[in-house]
Amino acid sequence: MSCLFCSIISGDIPCHKIYEDESTFAFLDINPVSVGHTLIVPKAHAENLDAGSEADAVAVAKAVYKIAPAVMKAVSADGYNLGMNHGECAGQEVAHTHFHLMPRKTNTPRTWTKLHPSSESLEETAATIRAILG
């Protein structure tokens, strides 16, 4: 079985990576609902959260804790939504555990409509986030 996110993590499919450590990988969503919409995934494949290990769940939470402030600063956000779609009936489109970090700005309508930014725009955002993360 082929997994889109495993292919991204392995480098077989390009992405706009913003963070990587021993257990996790984070990159920009190519069809974001807001500028800076980031996907944070465990490197170990598991179709959903309870199919993976507790250690991977903790590692993803720690990555969110580190990444969220950098994403907010990079895109001048005032807050964010953190979400996970567990199962196809809940809207999970890729069968690999992943969390969505969706930056939000005050007085901007909160929408779930997917945007279609250019690759150049995504890379500019990713570079800004990476620079903040150090």
N, C-alpha and C. Protein backbone atom coordinates (compact mmCIF):
# COMPACT_ATOMS: atom_id res chain seq x y z
N MET A 1 0.85 -1.18 0.00
CA MET A 1 0.00 0.00 0.00
C MET A 1 0.89 1.24 0.00
N SER A 2 0.55 2.19 -0.83
CA SER A 2 1.30 3.43 -0.97
C SER A 2 0.65 4.52 -0.13
N CYS A 3 1.46 5.25 0.63
CA CYS A 3 0.95 6.32 1.48
C CYS A 3 1.55 7.64 1.02
N LEU A 4 0.71 8.60 0.70
CA LEU A 4 1.15 9.91 0.25
C LEU A 4 2.11 10.56 1.25
N PHE A 5 1.75 10.55 2.53
CA PHE A 5 2.59 11.22 3.52
C PHE A 5 3.90 10.47 3.75
N CYS A 6 3.89 9.14 3.68
CA CYS A 6 5.16 8.39 3.78
C CYS A 6 6.07 8.75 2.62
N SER A 7 5.50 8.95 1.43
CA SER A 7 6.28 9.35 0.26
C SER A 7 6.84 10.76 0.42
N ILE A 8 6.09 11.64 1.05
CA ILE A 8 6.57 12.99 1.33
C ILE A 8 7.70 12.94 2.35
N ILE A 9 7.51 12.19 3.43
CA ILE A 9 8.52 12.08 4.48
C ILE A 9 9.82 11.51 3.92
N SER A 10 9.73 10.52 3.03
CA SER A 10 10.93 9.89 2.47
C SER A 10 11.61 10.75 1.41
N GLY A 11 10.94 11.82 0.98
CA GLY A 11 11.51 12.70 -0.03
C GLY A 11 11.17 12.31 -1.46
N ASP A 12 10.35 11.28 -1.62
CA ASP A 12 9.96 10.85 -2.97
C ASP A 12 8.98 11.84 -3.62
N ILE A 13 8.24 12.56 -2.79
CA ILE A 13 7.31 13.59 -3.27
C ILE A 13 7.73 14.90 -2.61
N PRO A 14 7.91 15.96 -3.39
CA PRO A 14 8.34 17.23 -2.80
C PRO A 14 7.25 17.85 -1.93
N CYS A 15 7.70 18.67 -0.98
CA CYS A 15 6.77 19.39 -0.12
C CYS A 15 7.43 20.69 0.32
N HIS A 16 6.69 21.49 1.05
CA HIS A 16 7.21 22.72 1.63
C HIS A 16 7.41 22.45 3.12
N LYS A 17 8.52 21.76 3.41
CA LYS A 17 8.82 21.31 4.78
C LYS A 17 9.16 22.51 5.65
N ILE A 18 8.63 22.47 6.87
CA ILE A 18 8.98 23.52 7.83
C ILE A 18 9.71 22.97 9.05
N TYR A 19 9.58 21.66 9.32
CA TYR A 19 10.18 21.12 10.54
C TYR A 19 10.33 19.62 10.40
N GLU A 20 11.40 19.12 11.02
CA GLU A 20 11.61 17.68 11.09
C GLU A 20 12.45 17.38 12.31
N ASP A 21 12.08 16.33 13.03
CA ASP A 21 12.92 15.82 14.10
C ASP A 21 12.93 14.31 13.98
N GLU A 22 13.42 13.63 14.99
CA GLU A 22 13.57 12.17 14.93
C GLU A 22 12.25 11.45 14.67
N SER A 23 11.15 11.98 15.20
CA SER A 23 9.87 11.27 15.16
C SER A 23 8.78 11.95 14.34
N THR A 24 8.95 13.25 14.03
CA THR A 24 7.86 13.98 13.37
C THR A 24 8.35 14.74 12.15
N PHE A 25 7.38 15.14 11.36
CA PHE A 25 7.64 15.86 10.11
C PHE A 25 6.48 16.85 9.94
N ALA A 26 6.79 18.08 9.55
CA ALA A 26 5.74 19.10 9.37
C ALA A 26 5.96 19.83 8.06
N PHE A 27 4.88 20.06 7.34
CA PHE A 27 4.94 20.72 6.04
C PHE A 27 3.65 21.47 5.78
N LEU A 28 3.71 22.41 4.85
CA LEU A 28 2.52 23.19 4.53
C LEU A 28 1.55 22.37 3.70
N ASP A 29 0.27 22.53 4.00
CA ASP A 29 -0.80 21.92 3.21
C ASP A 29 -0.83 22.61 1.85
N ILE A 30 -0.90 21.85 0.77
CA ILE A 30 -0.90 22.48 -0.56
C ILE A 30 -2.26 23.06 -0.93
N ASN A 31 -3.29 22.69 -0.19
CA ASN A 31 -4.63 23.28 -0.36
C ASN A 31 -5.11 23.78 0.99
N PRO A 32 -4.45 24.82 1.51
CA PRO A 32 -4.74 25.29 2.87
C PRO A 32 -6.08 26.00 2.99
N VAL A 33 -6.56 26.08 4.23
CA VAL A 33 -7.75 26.89 4.51
C VAL A 33 -7.34 28.26 5.02
N SER A 34 -6.05 28.44 5.30
CA SER A 34 -5.50 29.73 5.70
C SER A 34 -4.01 29.73 5.38
N VAL A 35 -3.44 30.91 5.25
CA VAL A 35 -2.01 31.01 4.99
C VAL A 35 -1.26 30.46 6.21
N GLY A 36 -0.33 29.55 5.96
CA GLY A 36 0.42 28.92 7.04
C GLY A 36 -0.16 27.60 7.52
N HIS A 37 -1.25 27.14 6.92
CA HIS A 37 -1.89 25.87 7.29
C HIS A 37 -0.84 24.76 7.19
N THR A 38 -0.54 24.17 8.33
CA THR A 38 0.55 23.21 8.44
C THR A 38 0.01 21.84 8.83
N LEU A 39 0.61 20.80 8.26
CA LEU A 39 0.31 19.43 8.63
C LEU A 39 1.47 18.89 9.46
N ILE A 40 1.16 18.30 10.59
CA ILE A 40 2.17 17.74 11.47
C ILE A 40 1.88 16.25 11.60
N VAL A 41 2.87 15.43 11.23
CA VAL A 41 2.66 13.99 11.15
C VAL A 41 3.76 13.23 11.89
N PRO A 42 3.42 12.06 12.41
CA PRO A 42 4.48 11.18 12.91
C PRO A 42 5.18 10.55 11.70
N LYS A 43 6.46 10.31 11.82
CA LYS A 43 7.17 9.66 10.72
C LYS A 43 6.74 8.20 10.56
N ALA A 44 6.44 7.54 11.67
CA ALA A 44 5.98 6.15 11.61
C ALA A 44 4.56 6.12 11.06
N HIS A 45 4.34 5.26 10.08
CA HIS A 45 3.02 5.18 9.47
C HIS A 45 2.01 4.55 10.44
N ALA A 46 0.89 5.21 10.58
CA ALA A 46 -0.29 4.68 11.27
C ALA A 46 -1.48 5.37 10.63
N GLU A 47 -2.49 4.61 10.30
CA GLU A 47 -3.63 5.19 9.58
C GLU A 47 -4.37 6.25 10.38
N ASN A 48 -4.37 6.12 11.71
CA ASN A 48 -5.02 7.11 12.56
C ASN A 48 -4.36 7.08 13.93
N LEU A 49 -4.74 8.01 14.77
CA LEU A 49 -4.04 8.21 16.04
C LEU A 49 -3.97 6.96 16.90
N ASP A 50 -5.08 6.25 17.06
CA ASP A 50 -5.06 5.09 17.95
C ASP A 50 -4.46 3.85 17.31
N ALA A 51 -4.06 3.93 16.04
CA ALA A 51 -3.34 2.83 15.40
C ALA A 51 -1.84 2.98 15.58
N GLY A 52 -1.41 4.14 16.04
CA GLY A 52 0.01 4.39 16.26
C GLY A 52 0.37 4.24 17.72
N SER A 53 1.61 4.57 18.02
CA SER A 53 2.08 4.42 19.39
C SER A 53 1.80 5.68 20.22
N GLU A 54 1.75 5.50 21.52
CA GLU A 54 1.59 6.63 22.42
C GLU A 54 2.79 7.57 22.28
N ALA A 55 3.97 7.00 22.11
CA ALA A 55 5.18 7.82 21.94
C ALA A 55 5.07 8.72 20.72
N ASP A 56 4.51 8.21 19.63
CA ASP A 56 4.35 9.04 18.44
C ASP A 56 3.32 10.14 18.68
N ALA A 57 2.26 9.83 19.40
CA ALA A 57 1.25 10.85 19.71
C ALA A 57 1.86 11.97 20.55
N VAL A 58 2.68 11.60 21.53
CA VAL A 58 3.34 12.59 22.38
C VAL A 58 4.33 13.41 21.55
N ALA A 59 5.06 12.77 20.65
CA ALA A 59 6.03 13.48 19.80
C ALA A 59 5.33 14.50 18.91
N VAL A 60 4.17 14.14 18.37
CA VAL A 60 3.42 15.07 17.53
C VAL A 60 2.93 16.25 18.38
N ALA A 61 2.45 15.98 19.57
CA ALA A 61 1.99 17.07 20.46
C ALA A 61 3.14 18.01 20.79
N LYS A 62 4.32 17.47 21.04
CA LYS A 62 5.49 18.32 21.31
C LYS A 62 5.86 19.14 20.09
N ALA A 63 5.74 18.55 18.90
CA ALA A 63 6.04 19.29 17.67
C ALA A 63 5.03 20.43 17.49
N VAL A 64 3.75 20.17 17.74
CA VAL A 64 2.73 21.22 17.65
C VAL A 64 3.09 22.36 18.60
N TYR A 65 3.48 22.02 19.82
CA TYR A 65 3.85 23.00 20.84
C TYR A 65 4.99 23.90 20.36
N LYS A 66 5.94 23.32 19.65
CA LYS A 66 7.08 24.08 19.14
C LYS A 66 6.72 24.87 17.88
N ILE A 67 5.98 24.26 16.98
CA ILE A 67 5.70 24.84 15.66
C ILE A 67 4.64 25.94 15.71
N ALA A 68 3.61 25.78 16.51
CA ALA A 68 2.47 26.71 16.51
C ALA A 68 2.88 28.17 16.70
N PRO A 69 3.70 28.50 17.70
CA PRO A 69 4.07 29.91 17.86
C PRO A 69 4.85 30.46 16.66
N ALA A 70 5.68 29.63 16.04
CA ALA A 70 6.45 30.08 14.87
C ALA A 70 5.53 30.35 13.67
N VAL A 71 4.56 29.48 13.48
CA VAL A 71 3.61 29.68 12.38
C VAL A 71 2.81 30.95 12.62
N MET A 72 2.33 31.13 13.84
CA MET A 72 1.55 32.33 14.17
C MET A 72 2.37 33.60 13.91
N LYS A 73 3.61 33.60 14.34
CA LYS A 73 4.46 34.77 14.14
C LYS A 73 4.72 35.00 12.65
N ALA A 74 4.98 33.95 11.92
CA ALA A 74 5.31 34.07 10.50
C ALA A 74 4.19 34.67 9.68
N VAL A 75 2.95 34.37 10.04
CA VAL A 75 1.81 34.84 9.25
C VAL A 75 0.98 35.91 9.98
N SER A 76 1.52 36.40 11.09
CA SER A 76 0.84 37.42 11.90
C SER A 76 -0.56 37.00 12.32
N ALA A 77 -0.67 35.76 12.78
CA ALA A 77 -1.96 35.22 13.22
C ALA A 77 -2.22 35.59 14.67
N ASP A 78 -3.49 35.63 15.02
CA ASP A 78 -3.91 35.91 16.39
C ASP A 78 -4.31 34.65 17.14
N GLY A 79 -4.49 33.57 16.42
CA GLY A 79 -4.90 32.30 17.00
C GLY A 79 -4.77 31.21 15.96
N TYR A 80 -5.24 30.03 16.31
CA TYR A 80 -5.22 28.94 15.34
C TYR A 80 -6.25 27.88 15.72
N ASN A 81 -6.65 27.12 14.73
CA ASN A 81 -7.43 25.90 14.95
C ASN A 81 -6.45 24.75 14.86
N LEU A 82 -6.60 23.78 15.73
CA LEU A 82 -5.82 22.55 15.67
C LEU A 82 -6.83 21.43 15.52
N GLY A 83 -6.71 20.67 14.45
CA GLY A 83 -7.70 19.63 14.20
C GLY A 83 -7.12 18.37 13.62
N MET A 84 -7.91 17.31 13.75
CA MET A 84 -7.54 16.02 13.18
C MET A 84 -8.82 15.35 12.72
N ASN A 85 -8.80 14.87 11.51
CA ASN A 85 -9.93 14.10 10.98
C ASN A 85 -9.59 12.62 11.15
N HIS A 86 -10.37 11.93 11.95
CA HIS A 86 -10.10 10.52 12.27
C HIS A 86 -11.10 9.65 11.52
N GLY A 87 -10.66 9.08 10.42
CA GLY A 87 -11.51 8.22 9.60
C GLY A 87 -12.13 8.96 8.44
N GLU A 88 -12.43 8.22 7.41
CA GLU A 88 -12.99 8.80 6.18
C GLU A 88 -14.31 9.53 6.46
N CYS A 89 -15.15 8.98 7.34
CA CYS A 89 -16.43 9.61 7.64
C CYS A 89 -16.26 10.97 8.30
N ALA A 90 -15.09 11.22 8.90
CA ALA A 90 -14.80 12.50 9.55
C ALA A 90 -14.04 13.45 8.62
N GLY A 91 -13.79 13.01 7.39
CA GLY A 91 -13.12 13.86 6.42
C GLY A 91 -11.64 13.56 6.24
N GLN A 92 -11.13 12.49 6.84
CA GLN A 92 -9.71 12.15 6.66
C GLN A 92 -9.49 11.71 5.22
N GLU A 93 -8.63 12.46 4.51
CA GLU A 93 -8.37 12.18 3.10
C GLU A 93 -7.11 11.36 2.88
N VAL A 94 -6.16 11.43 3.82
CA VAL A 94 -4.92 10.66 3.72
C VAL A 94 -4.84 9.76 4.95
N ALA A 95 -4.71 8.46 4.70
CA ALA A 95 -4.71 7.48 5.78
C ALA A 95 -3.34 7.40 6.45
N HIS A 96 -2.95 8.49 7.06
CA HIS A 96 -1.72 8.59 7.86
C HIS A 96 -2.05 9.64 8.91
N THR A 97 -1.83 9.33 10.17
CA THR A 97 -2.14 10.27 11.25
C THR A 97 -1.57 11.64 10.92
N HIS A 98 -2.39 12.66 11.04
CA HIS A 98 -1.90 14.02 10.84
C HIS A 98 -2.81 15.04 11.52
N PHE A 99 -2.16 16.07 12.02
CA PHE A 99 -2.87 17.18 12.64
C PHE A 99 -2.77 18.40 11.73
N HIS A 100 -3.85 19.16 11.67
CA HIS A 100 -3.90 20.41 10.91
C HIS A 100 -3.75 21.57 11.89
N LEU A 101 -2.78 22.41 11.65
CA LEU A 101 -2.61 23.66 12.39
C LEU A 101 -2.99 24.78 11.43
N MET A 102 -4.11 25.45 11.71
CA MET A 102 -4.67 26.43 10.79
C MET A 102 -4.68 27.81 11.44
N PRO A 103 -3.71 28.67 11.09
CA PRO A 103 -3.65 30.01 11.68
C PRO A 103 -4.90 30.82 11.36
N ARG A 104 -5.28 31.68 12.30
CA ARG A 104 -6.46 32.53 12.12
C ARG A 104 -6.13 33.96 12.55
N LYS A 105 -6.81 34.91 11.92
CA LYS A 105 -6.63 36.33 12.25
C LYS A 105 -7.95 36.92 12.71
N THR A 106 -7.86 37.81 13.68
CA THR A 106 -9.04 38.51 14.18
C THR A 106 -9.69 39.29 13.04
N ASN A 107 -11.01 39.31 13.05
CA ASN A 107 -11.81 40.04 12.06
C ASN A 107 -11.67 39.50 10.64
N THR A 108 -11.20 38.26 10.52
CA THR A 108 -11.16 37.58 9.22
C THR A 108 -12.11 36.39 9.33
N PRO A 109 -13.04 36.27 8.39
CA PRO A 109 -13.99 35.15 8.48
C PRO A 109 -13.27 33.81 8.53
N ARG A 110 -13.68 32.96 9.46
CA ARG A 110 -13.12 31.61 9.57
C ARG A 110 -13.82 30.74 8.56
N THR A 111 -13.06 30.22 7.63
CA THR A 111 -13.63 29.41 6.57
C THR A 111 -12.87 28.10 6.47
N TRP A 112 -13.52 27.11 5.90
CA TRP A 112 -12.89 25.81 5.66
C TRP A 112 -12.69 25.62 4.15
N THR A 113 -12.91 26.69 3.40
CA THR A 113 -12.72 26.63 1.95
C THR A 113 -11.24 26.53 1.64
N LYS A 114 -10.90 25.58 0.79
CA LYS A 114 -9.50 25.37 0.44
C LYS A 114 -9.02 26.45 -0.52
N LEU A 115 -7.85 26.98 -0.21
CA LEU A 115 -7.19 27.96 -1.07
C LEU A 115 -6.27 27.21 -2.03
N HIS A 116 -5.81 27.89 -3.05
CA HIS A 116 -4.92 27.26 -4.03
C HIS A 116 -3.73 28.18 -4.31
N PRO A 117 -2.85 28.36 -3.30
CA PRO A 117 -1.71 29.26 -3.48
C PRO A 117 -0.68 28.66 -4.44
N SER A 118 0.15 29.52 -4.98
CA SER A 118 1.22 29.08 -5.86
C SER A 118 2.30 28.37 -5.04
N SER A 119 3.08 27.56 -5.70
CA SER A 119 4.20 26.89 -5.04
C SER A 119 5.18 27.92 -4.50
N GLU A 120 5.36 29.01 -5.23
CA GLU A 120 6.28 30.07 -4.80
C GLU A 120 5.78 30.72 -3.51
N SER A 121 4.48 30.95 -3.43
CA SER A 121 3.90 31.55 -2.23
C SER A 121 4.05 30.61 -1.03
N LEU A 122 3.79 29.32 -1.25
CA LEU A 122 3.95 28.34 -0.18
C LEU A 122 5.40 28.29 0.29
N GLU A 123 6.34 28.31 -0.65
CA GLU A 123 7.75 28.23 -0.27
C GLU A 123 8.18 29.48 0.49
N GLU A 124 7.65 30.62 0.12
CA GLU A 124 7.97 31.86 0.85
C GLU A 124 7.47 31.77 2.30
N THR A 125 6.26 31.27 2.47
CA THR A 125 5.72 31.09 3.83
C THR A 125 6.55 30.08 4.60
N ALA A 126 6.88 28.95 3.96
CA ALA A 126 7.67 27.91 4.62
C ALA A 126 9.02 28.45 5.04
N ALA A 127 9.67 29.23 4.18
CA ALA A 127 10.98 29.80 4.50
C ALA A 127 10.89 30.73 5.70
N THR A 128 9.83 31.51 5.77
CA THR A 128 9.65 32.42 6.91
C THR A 128 9.48 31.62 8.21
N ILE A 129 8.69 30.57 8.16
CA ILE A 129 8.49 29.74 9.35
C ILE A 129 9.79 29.06 9.76
N ARG A 130 10.50 28.50 8.79
CA ARG A 130 11.78 27.84 9.10
C ARG A 130 12.76 28.82 9.74
N ALA A 131 12.80 30.04 9.24
CA ALA A 131 13.73 31.03 9.80
C ALA A 131 13.37 31.34 11.26
N ILE A 132 12.09 31.40 11.59
CA ILE A 132 11.67 31.66 12.96
C ILE A 132 12.01 30.46 13.86
N LEU A 133 11.82 29.26 13.33
CA LEU A 133 12.13 28.06 14.11
C LEU A 133 13.64 27.91 14.35
N GLY A 134 14.42 28.55 13.48
CA GLY A 134 15.88 28.51 13.63
C GLY A 134 16.42 27.31 13.03
